[in-house]
Amino acid sequence: MEVKASLISTVNNEKKIEILRKNWMSHEGRYQMAIVREFGWEKANNINKNVIYEMGKVMMYRLMNALGISQVDNIDDFKEICMTATEFYYPPPVFSIRLDRESDTSLLGSVEKCGTIKNVKRLGVLDQYECGCLAMRSGWYKALGVEVKEELLQCLKDGADTCKIKLIVKGWNK
């Protein structure tokens, strides 16, 4: 079969995005397991967290640039940009995440469905795997210039029905 350069134009943008997301998540999982085989779980988890922190910064910088946002300085804008990033990078149905405003300086995050944990459970490595989501979000916060303390209240990895994460803003535009 001769593949024409215009063949991809027959695929709608939503499907293209879905394919790219699946490829990225698949690459991330396979890369993690290659590091595990080479160096063991402790080093693999540390490398993953370092890489995803840096990637989190890049993800947020790119999103901010696309949206024309240079900074956030209040909880509502902070919530909106974090939810926009979450919905864009980690959309349903693979992920189900929400943020609720608690005060002028805090949000409560709920992760009801996590595709990463689902795959980690499927592989039978839940006890060895350390979530990289805090590191990724720390990269987001760095890019946004917001100092945030996160408190993990409960976790899917530990058998809870939902991850509950309290985000406390310690400073704006730092």
C-alpha atoms as a PDB file:
ATOM      1  CA  MET A   1       0.000   0.000   0.000  1.00  0.00           C
ATOM      2  CA  GLU A   2       1.333   3.390  -0.910  1.00  0.00           C
ATOM      3  CA  VAL A   3       0.828   5.837   1.961  1.00  0.00           C
ATOM      4  CA  LYS A   4       0.044   9.352   0.848  1.00  0.00           C
ATOM      5  CA  ALA A   5       1.177  12.373   2.836  1.00  0.00           C
ATOM      6  CA  SER A   6      -2.440  13.509   3.099  1.00  0.00           C
ATOM      7  CA  LEU A   7      -3.667  10.234   4.651  1.00  0.00           C
ATOM      8  CA  ILE A   8      -3.399  11.679   8.181  1.00  0.00           C
ATOM      9  CA  SER A   9      -5.767  14.454   7.123  1.00  0.00           C
ATOM     10  CA  THR A  10      -8.543  11.845   7.152  1.00  0.00           C
ATOM     11  CA  VAL A  11      -8.147  11.499  10.955  1.00  0.00           C
ATOM     12  CA  ASN A  12      -9.941  14.153  13.005  1.00  0.00           C
ATOM     13  CA  ASN A  13      -7.981  16.270  15.485  1.00  0.00           C
ATOM     14  CA  GLU A  14      -9.615  14.677  18.535  1.00  0.00           C
ATOM     15  CA  LYS A  15      -8.443  11.225  17.421  1.00  0.00           C
ATOM     16  CA  LYS A  16      -4.950  12.571  16.669  1.00  0.00           C
ATOM     17  CA  ILE A  17      -4.725  14.010  20.183  1.00  0.00           C
ATOM     18  CA  GLU A  18      -5.958  10.734  21.676  1.00  0.00           C
ATOM     19  CA  ILE A  19      -3.279   8.805  19.786  1.00  0.00           C
ATOM     20  CA  LEU A  20      -0.544  11.218  20.907  1.00  0.00           C
ATOM     21  CA  ARG A  21      -1.671  11.010  24.558  1.00  0.00           C
ATOM     22  CA  LYS A  22      -1.778   7.208  24.466  1.00  0.00           C
ATOM     23  CA  ASN A  23       1.658   7.093  22.845  1.00  0.00           C
ATOM     24  CA  TRP A  24       3.080   9.423  25.490  1.00  0.00           C
ATOM     25  CA  MET A  25       1.596   7.427  28.377  1.00  0.00           C
ATOM     26  CA  SER A  26       2.724   4.166  26.785  1.00  0.00           C
ATOM     27  CA  HIS A  27       6.236   5.530  26.307  1.00  0.00           C
ATOM     28  CA  GLU A  28       6.333   6.765  29.897  1.00  0.00           C
ATOM     29  CA  GLY A  29       5.361   3.332  31.259  1.00  0.00           C
ATOM     30  CA  ARG A  30       7.767   1.427  29.061  1.00  0.00           C
ATOM     31  CA  TYR A  31      10.597   3.824  29.866  1.00  0.00           C
ATOM     32  CA  GLN A  32       9.923   3.440  33.603  1.00  0.00           C
ATOM     33  CA  MET A  33      10.052  -0.356  33.326  1.00  0.00           C
ATOM     34  CA  ALA A  34      13.281  -0.224  31.292  1.00  0.00           C
ATOM     35  CA  ILE A  35      14.868   1.887  34.042  1.00  0.00           C
ATOM     36  CA  VAL A  36      13.561  -0.594  36.666  1.00  0.00           C
ATOM     37  CA  ARG A  37      15.154  -3.518  34.820  1.00  0.00           C
ATOM     38  CA  GLU A  38      18.458  -1.661  34.508  1.00  0.00           C
ATOM     39  CA  PHE A  39      18.730   0.013  37.942  1.00  0.00           C
ATOM     40  CA  GLY A  40      15.989  -1.296  40.258  1.00  0.00           C
ATOM     41  CA  TRP A  41      12.883   0.325  41.674  1.00  0.00           C
ATOM     42  CA  GLU A  42      14.473   2.863  44.013  1.00  0.00           C
ATOM     43  CA  LYS A  43      16.580   4.494  41.309  1.00  0.00           C
ATOM     44  CA  ALA A  44      13.784   4.199  38.737  1.00  0.00           C
ATOM     45  CA  ASN A  45      11.325   5.989  41.018  1.00  0.00           C
ATOM     46  CA  ASN A  46      13.857   8.758  41.730  1.00  0.00           C
ATOM     47  CA  ILE A  47      14.694   9.199  38.053  1.00  0.00           C
ATOM     48  CA  ASN A  48      10.982   9.255  37.164  1.00  0.00           C
ATOM     49  CA  LYS A  49      10.258  11.949  39.744  1.00  0.00           C
ATOM     50  CA  ASN A  50      13.169  14.101  38.579  1.00  0.00           C
ATOM     51  CA  VAL A  51      12.179  13.786  34.920  1.00  0.00           C
ATOM     52  CA  ILE A  52       8.472  14.388  35.500  1.00  0.00           C
ATOM     53  CA  TYR A  53       9.234  17.474  37.649  1.00  0.00           C
ATOM     54  CA  GLU A  54      11.154  18.984  34.742  1.00  0.00           C
ATOM     55  CA  MET A  55       8.487  17.838  32.297  1.00  0.00           C
ATOM     56  CA  GLY A  56       5.804  19.388  34.518  1.00  0.00           C
ATOM     57  CA  LYS A  57       7.515  22.766  34.224  1.00  0.00           C
ATOM     58  CA  VAL A  58       7.698  22.466  30.435  1.00  0.00           C
ATOM     59  CA  MET A  59       4.074  21.300  30.199  1.00  0.00           C
ATOM     60  CA  MET A  60       2.841  24.282  32.192  1.00  0.00           C
ATOM     61  CA  TYR A  61       5.081  26.819  30.408  1.00  0.00           C
ATOM     62  CA  ARG A  62       3.751  25.608  27.051  1.00  0.00           C
ATOM     63  CA  LEU A  63       0.158  25.720  28.232  1.00  0.00           C
ATOM     64  CA  MET A  64       0.578  29.192  29.750  1.00  0.00           C
ATOM     65  CA  ASN A  65       2.123  30.413  26.524  1.00  0.00           C
ATOM     66  CA  ALA A  66      -0.722  28.957  24.439  1.00  0.00           C
ATOM     67  CA  LEU A  67      -3.302  30.556  26.742  1.00  0.00           C
ATOM     68  CA  GLY A  68      -1.499  33.907  26.989  1.00  0.00           C
ATOM     69  CA  ILE A  69      -1.087  33.592  30.766  1.00  0.00           C
ATOM     70  CA  SER A  70       2.053  34.934  32.374  1.00  0.00           C
ATOM     71  CA  GLN A  71       1.142  34.519  36.057  1.00  0.00           C
ATOM     72  CA  VAL A  72      -1.602  33.723  38.525  1.00  0.00           C
ATOM     73  CA  ASP A  73      -2.131  35.633  41.741  1.00  0.00           C
ATOM     74  CA  ASN A  74      -5.344  34.318  43.245  1.00  0.00           C
ATOM     75  CA  ILE A  75      -6.872  30.965  44.127  1.00  0.00           C
ATOM     76  CA  ASP A  76      -9.564  31.041  41.448  1.00  0.00           C
ATOM     77  CA  ASP A  77      -7.095  31.626  38.602  1.00  0.00           C
ATOM     78  CA  PHE A  78      -4.760  29.029  40.128  1.00  0.00           C
ATOM     79  CA  LYS A  79      -7.592  26.491  40.264  1.00  0.00           C
ATOM     80  CA  GLU A  80      -8.603  27.268  36.682  1.00  0.00           C
ATOM     81  CA  ILE A  81      -5.129  26.848  35.181  1.00  0.00           C
ATOM     82  CA  CYS A  82      -4.499  23.647  37.161  1.00  0.00           C
ATOM     83  CA  MET A  83      -7.826  22.165  36.059  1.00  0.00           C
ATOM     84  CA  THR A  84      -7.176  23.237  32.465  1.00  0.00           C
ATOM     85  CA  ALA A  85      -3.801  21.480  32.548  1.00  0.00           C
ATOM     86  CA  THR A  86      -5.342  18.412  34.157  1.00  0.00           C
ATOM     87  CA  GLU A  87      -8.176  18.188  31.653  1.00  0.00           C
ATOM     88  CA  PHE A  88      -5.793  18.691  28.745  1.00  0.00           C
ATOM     89  CA  TYR A  89      -2.964  16.367  29.798  1.00  0.00           C
ATOM     90  CA  TYR A  90      -4.936  13.785  31.824  1.00  0.00           C
ATOM     91  CA  PRO A  91      -8.491  13.711  30.435  1.00  0.00           C
ATOM     92  CA  PRO A  92     -11.415  11.403  31.087  1.00  0.00           C
ATOM     93  CA  PRO A  93     -12.161   8.595  30.744  1.00  0.00           C
ATOM     94  CA  VAL A  94      -8.651   7.444  31.737  1.00  0.00           C
ATOM     95  CA  PHE A  95      -8.469   9.998  34.551  1.00  0.00           C
ATOM     96  CA  SER A  96     -11.138  11.630  36.697  1.00  0.00           C
ATOM     97  CA  ILE A  97      -9.801  14.587  38.669  1.00  0.00           C
ATOM     98  CA  ARG A  98     -11.351  17.651  40.261  1.00  0.00           C
ATOM     99  CA  LEU A  99     -10.340  20.595  42.398  1.00  0.00           C
ATOM    100  CA  ASP A 100     -12.589  22.294  44.919  1.00  0.00           C
ATOM    101  CA  ARG A 101     -11.887  25.694  46.435  1.00  0.00           C
ATOM    102  CA  GLU A 102     -11.626  25.586  50.210  1.00  0.00           C
ATOM    103  CA  SER A 103     -10.384  29.112  50.940  1.00  0.00           C
ATOM    104  CA  ASP A 104      -8.442  32.017  49.430  1.00  0.00           C
ATOM    105  CA  THR A 105      -5.285  29.935  49.782  1.00  0.00           C
ATOM    106  CA  SER A 106      -6.326  26.303  49.541  1.00  0.00           C
ATOM    107  CA  LEU A 107      -7.872  23.741  47.225  1.00  0.00           C
ATOM    108  CA  LEU A 108      -8.887  20.135  47.746  1.00  0.00           C
ATOM    109  CA  GLY A 109      -7.981  17.810  44.908  1.00  0.00           C
ATOM    110  CA  SER A 110      -9.816  14.539  44.294  1.00  0.00           C
ATOM    111  CA  VAL A 111      -8.568  11.836  41.962  1.00  0.00           C
ATOM    112  CA  GLU A 112     -11.318   9.296  41.511  1.00  0.00           C
ATOM    113  CA  LYS A 113      -9.780   7.520  38.539  1.00  0.00           C
ATOM    114  CA  CYS A 114      -6.083   7.281  37.684  1.00  0.00           C
ATOM    115  CA  GLY A 115      -4.985   5.465  34.544  1.00  0.00           C
ATOM    116  CA  THR A 116      -1.428   5.251  35.817  1.00  0.00           C
ATOM    117  CA  ILE A 117      -2.397   3.441  39.016  1.00  0.00           C
ATOM    118  CA  LYS A 118      -4.717   1.184  37.035  1.00  0.00           C
ATOM    119  CA  ASN A 119      -1.775   0.124  34.838  1.00  0.00           C
ATOM    120  CA  VAL A 120       0.578  -0.230  37.813  1.00  0.00           C
ATOM    121  CA  LYS A 121      -1.959  -2.524  39.507  1.00  0.00           C
ATOM    122  CA  ARG A 122      -2.392  -4.501  36.284  1.00  0.00           C
ATOM    123  CA  LEU A 123       1.373  -5.035  36.126  1.00  0.00           C
ATOM    124  CA  GLY A 124       1.444  -6.157  39.774  1.00  0.00           C
ATOM    125  CA  VAL A 125       4.035  -3.589  40.856  1.00  0.00           C
ATOM    126  CA  LEU A 126       1.894  -1.367  43.097  1.00  0.00           C
ATOM    127  CA  ASP A 127       4.128  -1.965  46.134  1.00  0.00           C
ATOM    128  CA  GLN A 128       7.267  -0.841  44.290  1.00  0.00           C
ATOM    129  CA  TYR A 129       5.917   2.085  42.258  1.00  0.00           C
ATOM    130  CA  GLU A 130       6.044   5.618  43.682  1.00  0.00           C
ATOM    131  CA  CYS A 131       3.652   8.111  42.132  1.00  0.00           C
ATOM    132  CA  GLY A 132       5.239  10.916  40.154  1.00  0.00           C
ATOM    133  CA  CYS A 133       2.174  13.168  40.233  1.00  0.00           C
ATOM    134  CA  LEU A 134       3.418  15.353  43.114  1.00  0.00           C
ATOM    135  CA  ALA A 135       6.699  15.929  41.275  1.00  0.00           C
ATOM    136  CA  MET A 136       4.833  16.802  38.078  1.00  0.00           C
ATOM    137  CA  ARG A 137       2.530  19.252  39.840  1.00  0.00           C
ATOM    138  CA  SER A 138       5.539  20.755  41.637  1.00  0.00           C
ATOM    139  CA  GLY A 139       6.897  21.522  38.175  1.00  0.00           C
ATOM    140  CA  TRP A 140       3.559  23.142  37.287  1.00  0.00           C
ATOM    141  CA  TYR A 141       3.706  25.307  40.412  1.00  0.00           C
ATOM    142  CA  LYS A 142       7.304  26.323  39.679  1.00  0.00           C
ATOM    143  CA  ALA A 143       6.320  27.405  36.156  1.00  0.00           C
ATOM    144  CA  LEU A 144       3.366  29.340  37.563  1.00  0.00           C
ATOM    145  CA  GLY A 145       5.550  31.037  40.169  1.00  0.00           C
ATOM    146  CA  VAL A 146       3.329  29.796  42.986  1.00  0.00           C
ATOM    147  CA  GLU A 147       4.689  28.261  46.191  1.00  0.00           C
ATOM    148  CA  VAL A 148       2.435  25.340  47.132  1.00  0.00           C
ATOM    149  CA  LYS A 149       2.493  22.794  49.928  1.00  0.00           C
ATOM    150  CA  GLU A 150       0.627  19.573  49.184  1.00  0.00           C
ATOM    151  CA  GLU A 151      -0.777  17.283  51.849  1.00  0.00           C
ATOM    152  CA  LEU A 152      -1.759  13.775  50.762  1.00  0.00           C
ATOM    153  CA  LEU A 153      -4.828  12.921  52.818  1.00  0.00           C
ATOM    154  CA  GLN A 154      -5.619   9.561  51.195  1.00  0.00           C
ATOM    155  CA  CYS A 155      -4.371   7.659  48.167  1.00  0.00           C
ATOM    156  CA  LEU A 156      -5.685   5.221  45.558  1.00  0.00           C
ATOM    157  CA  LYS A 157      -2.339   3.446  45.706  1.00  0.00           C
ATOM    158  CA  ASP A 158      -2.963   2.650  49.373  1.00  0.00           C
ATOM    159  CA  GLY A 159      -6.408   1.213  48.659  1.00  0.00           C
ATOM    160  CA  ALA A 160      -8.561   4.325  49.152  1.00  0.00           C
ATOM    161  CA  ASP A 161     -11.460   4.915  46.767  1.00  0.00           C
ATOM    162  CA  THR A 162     -10.100   8.379  45.925  1.00  0.00           C
ATOM    163  CA  CYS A 163      -6.856  10.295  46.249  1.00  0.00           C
ATOM    164  CA  LYS A 164      -7.445  13.407  48.355  1.00  0.00           C
ATOM    165  CA  ILE A 165      -4.788  16.076  48.138  1.00  0.00           C
ATOM    166  CA  LYS A 166      -4.891  19.414  49.913  1.00  0.00           C
ATOM    167  CA  LEU A 167      -3.071  22.210  48.068  1.00  0.00           C
ATOM    168  CA  ILE A 168      -2.063  25.116  50.292  1.00  0.00           C
ATOM    169  CA  VAL A 169      -0.719  28.210  48.562  1.00  0.00           C
ATOM    170  CA  LYS A 170       2.147  29.675  50.574  1.00  0.00           C
ATOM    171  CA  GLY A 171       3.033  32.480  48.148  1.00  0.00           C
ATOM    172  CA  TRP A 172       2.096  34.004  44.800  1.00  0.00           C
ATOM    173  CA  ASN A 173       4.460  34.905  41.950  1.00  0.00           C
ATOM    174  CA  LYS A 174       7.564  33.771  43.695  1.00  0.00           C
END
